[in-house]
Amino acid sequence: MESEELERSLGKKAELDLLPMQSGDVPATYADVEDIVRAFDFRPSTSIKEGISRYVTWYRSYYK
């Protein structure tokens, strides 16, 4: 779960306020990146774990 990766990267427990599905929420989404692969010869390869870690590092550096 993404919140667990964020907790690990931040070194603190998240305070979650889980609510029922809201109007307009979707239970799942699936990105189709094939158009980008064809147009730019680029295939995303960053994992959630790595992306969150890199974001937290950038955020801390930028906002000190």
N, C-alpha and C. Protein backbone atom coordinates (compact mmCIF):
# COMPACT_ATOMS: atom_id res chain seq x y z
N MET A 1 0.84 -1.18 0.00
CA MET A 1 0.00 0.00 0.00
C MET A 1 0.89 1.25 0.00
N GLU A 2 0.50 2.26 -0.75
CA GLU A 2 1.30 3.47 -0.89
C GLU A 2 1.52 4.18 0.43
N SER A 3 0.51 4.18 1.31
CA SER A 3 0.68 4.88 2.59
C SER A 3 1.79 4.25 3.42
N GLU A 4 1.96 2.93 3.31
CA GLU A 4 3.04 2.26 4.05
C GLU A 4 4.41 2.69 3.53
N GLU A 5 4.54 2.86 2.23
CA GLU A 5 5.80 3.34 1.65
C GLU A 5 6.09 4.76 2.10
N LEU A 6 5.07 5.60 2.14
CA LEU A 6 5.24 6.97 2.58
C LEU A 6 5.64 7.00 4.06
N GLU A 7 5.00 6.19 4.88
CA GLU A 7 5.36 6.11 6.30
C GLU A 7 6.82 5.70 6.45
N ARG A 8 7.23 4.73 5.70
CA ARG A 8 8.60 4.24 5.78
C ARG A 8 9.59 5.33 5.37
N SER A 9 9.29 6.03 4.29
CA SER A 9 10.18 7.08 3.81
C SER A 9 10.25 8.26 4.77
N LEU A 10 9.13 8.58 5.40
CA LEU A 10 9.09 9.71 6.33
C LEU A 10 9.55 9.35 7.73
N GLY A 11 9.49 8.05 8.04
CA GLY A 11 9.87 7.61 9.38
C GLY A 11 8.83 7.94 10.42
N LYS A 12 7.57 8.05 10.01
CA LYS A 12 6.51 8.31 10.97
C LYS A 12 5.21 7.69 10.47
N LYS A 13 4.32 7.42 11.42
CA LYS A 13 3.04 6.78 11.13
C LYS A 13 2.06 7.80 10.54
N ALA A 14 1.38 7.42 9.49
CA ALA A 14 0.37 8.28 8.87
C ALA A 14 -0.90 8.28 9.71
N GLU A 15 -1.54 9.43 9.76
CA GLU A 15 -2.85 9.53 10.42
C GLU A 15 -3.90 9.46 9.32
N LEU A 16 -4.50 8.29 9.17
CA LEU A 16 -5.46 8.07 8.10
C LEU A 16 -6.88 8.31 8.58
N ASP A 17 -7.67 8.98 7.77
CA ASP A 17 -9.09 9.19 8.04
C ASP A 17 -9.84 8.55 6.88
N LEU A 18 -10.01 7.24 6.94
CA LEU A 18 -10.61 6.50 5.83
C LEU A 18 -12.12 6.70 5.81
N LEU A 19 -12.62 7.12 4.68
CA LEU A 19 -14.04 7.38 4.49
C LEU A 19 -14.59 6.42 3.45
N PRO A 20 -15.90 6.24 3.43
CA PRO A 20 -16.49 5.41 2.37
C PRO A 20 -16.25 6.06 1.01
N MET A 21 -16.42 5.28 -0.03
CA MET A 21 -16.29 5.80 -1.39
C MET A 21 -17.21 7.01 -1.54
N GLN A 22 -16.68 8.06 -2.19
CA GLN A 22 -17.44 9.28 -2.41
C GLN A 22 -17.96 9.30 -3.84
N SER A 23 -18.97 10.11 -4.07
CA SER A 23 -19.52 10.24 -5.42
C SER A 23 -18.40 10.66 -6.37
N GLY A 24 -18.22 9.94 -7.43
CA GLY A 24 -17.17 10.25 -8.40
C GLY A 24 -15.90 9.45 -8.20
N ASP A 25 -15.74 8.80 -7.03
CA ASP A 25 -14.56 7.94 -6.79
C ASP A 25 -14.63 6.72 -7.69
N VAL A 26 -13.48 6.23 -8.10
CA VAL A 26 -13.42 4.99 -8.87
C VAL A 26 -12.62 3.97 -8.07
N PRO A 27 -13.03 2.71 -8.06
CA PRO A 27 -12.35 1.71 -7.24
C PRO A 27 -10.95 1.36 -7.74
N ALA A 28 -10.68 1.52 -9.02
CA ALA A 28 -9.36 1.21 -9.57
C ALA A 28 -9.20 1.93 -10.90
N THR A 29 -7.96 2.24 -11.24
CA THR A 29 -7.66 2.80 -12.55
C THR A 29 -6.48 2.04 -13.14
N TYR A 30 -6.39 2.03 -14.43
CA TYR A 30 -5.33 1.32 -15.11
C TYR A 30 -4.78 2.21 -16.22
N ALA A 31 -3.55 2.66 -16.05
CA ALA A 31 -2.94 3.53 -17.05
C ALA A 31 -2.56 2.73 -18.29
N ASP A 32 -2.85 3.28 -19.44
CA ASP A 32 -2.42 2.69 -20.70
C ASP A 32 -1.38 3.63 -21.29
N VAL A 33 -0.10 3.25 -21.22
CA VAL A 33 0.98 4.12 -21.66
C VAL A 33 1.50 3.76 -23.05
N GLU A 34 0.81 2.91 -23.76
CA GLU A 34 1.30 2.45 -25.06
C GLU A 34 1.47 3.58 -26.07
N ASP A 35 0.60 4.60 -26.04
CA ASP A 35 0.76 5.74 -26.96
C ASP A 35 2.07 6.47 -26.68
N ILE A 36 2.41 6.65 -25.43
CA ILE A 36 3.68 7.31 -25.07
C ILE A 36 4.86 6.44 -25.48
N VAL A 37 4.75 5.15 -25.28
CA VAL A 37 5.83 4.23 -25.68
C VAL A 37 6.08 4.35 -27.18
N ARG A 38 5.02 4.35 -27.97
CA ARG A 38 5.16 4.45 -29.43
C ARG A 38 5.67 5.82 -29.86
N ALA A 39 5.12 6.88 -29.28
CA ALA A 39 5.46 8.24 -29.72
C ALA A 39 6.85 8.69 -29.28
N PHE A 40 7.26 8.29 -28.10
CA PHE A 40 8.51 8.81 -27.54
C PHE A 40 9.54 7.74 -27.20
N ASP A 41 9.21 6.49 -27.49
CA ASP A 41 10.10 5.38 -27.16
C ASP A 41 10.49 5.44 -25.68
N PHE A 42 9.50 5.70 -24.83
CA PHE A 42 9.72 5.81 -23.39
C PHE A 42 8.74 4.91 -22.66
N ARG A 43 9.24 4.09 -21.77
CA ARG A 43 8.39 3.24 -20.95
C ARG A 43 8.71 3.53 -19.49
N PRO A 44 7.73 4.05 -18.73
CA PRO A 44 7.96 4.34 -17.31
C PRO A 44 8.42 3.07 -16.58
N SER A 45 9.38 3.24 -15.68
CA SER A 45 9.90 2.06 -14.98
C SER A 45 10.15 2.30 -13.49
N THR A 46 9.77 3.45 -12.97
CA THR A 46 9.99 3.75 -11.56
C THR A 46 8.91 3.08 -10.72
N SER A 47 9.34 2.32 -9.72
CA SER A 47 8.39 1.66 -8.83
C SER A 47 7.78 2.67 -7.86
N ILE A 48 6.66 2.33 -7.25
CA ILE A 48 6.04 3.18 -6.24
C ILE A 48 7.03 3.43 -5.10
N LYS A 49 7.69 2.38 -4.66
CA LYS A 49 8.66 2.50 -3.56
C LYS A 49 9.75 3.51 -3.90
N GLU A 50 10.35 3.41 -5.06
CA GLU A 50 11.42 4.31 -5.47
C GLU A 50 10.88 5.72 -5.70
N GLY A 51 9.72 5.84 -6.33
CA GLY A 51 9.14 7.15 -6.61
C GLY A 51 8.82 7.92 -5.33
N ILE A 52 8.24 7.26 -4.35
CA ILE A 52 7.92 7.92 -3.09
C ILE A 52 9.19 8.32 -2.37
N SER A 53 10.18 7.45 -2.34
CA SER A 53 11.45 7.74 -1.69
C SER A 53 12.12 8.97 -2.33
N ARG A 54 12.14 9.00 -3.65
CA ARG A 54 12.76 10.12 -4.35
C ARG A 54 11.98 11.41 -4.13
N TYR A 55 10.64 11.33 -4.10
CA TYR A 55 9.82 12.51 -3.85
C TYR A 55 10.08 13.07 -2.45
N VAL A 56 10.11 12.21 -1.44
CA VAL A 56 10.36 12.66 -0.06
C VAL A 56 11.74 13.31 0.03
N THR A 57 12.74 12.73 -0.61
CA THR A 57 14.08 13.32 -0.61
C THR A 57 14.06 14.70 -1.25
N TRP A 58 13.40 14.83 -2.41
CA TRP A 58 13.29 16.13 -3.08
C TRP A 58 12.54 17.13 -2.21
N TYR A 59 11.40 16.74 -1.67
CA TYR A 59 10.56 17.63 -0.86
C TYR A 59 11.34 18.18 0.33
N ARG A 60 12.02 17.30 1.04
CA ARG A 60 12.80 17.73 2.21
C ARG A 60 13.91 18.68 1.81
N SER A 61 14.55 18.42 0.69
CA SER A 61 15.62 19.28 0.21
C SER A 61 15.08 20.64 -0.23
N TYR A 62 13.98 20.64 -0.94
CA TYR A 62 13.40 21.88 -1.49
C TYR A 62 12.83 22.77 -0.39
N TYR A 63 12.11 22.17 0.56
CA TYR A 63 11.43 22.95 1.59
C TYR A 63 12.22 23.06 2.90
N LYS A 64 13.34 22.37 2.99
CA LYS A 64 14.19 22.38 4.17
C LYS A 64 13.40 22.48 5.44
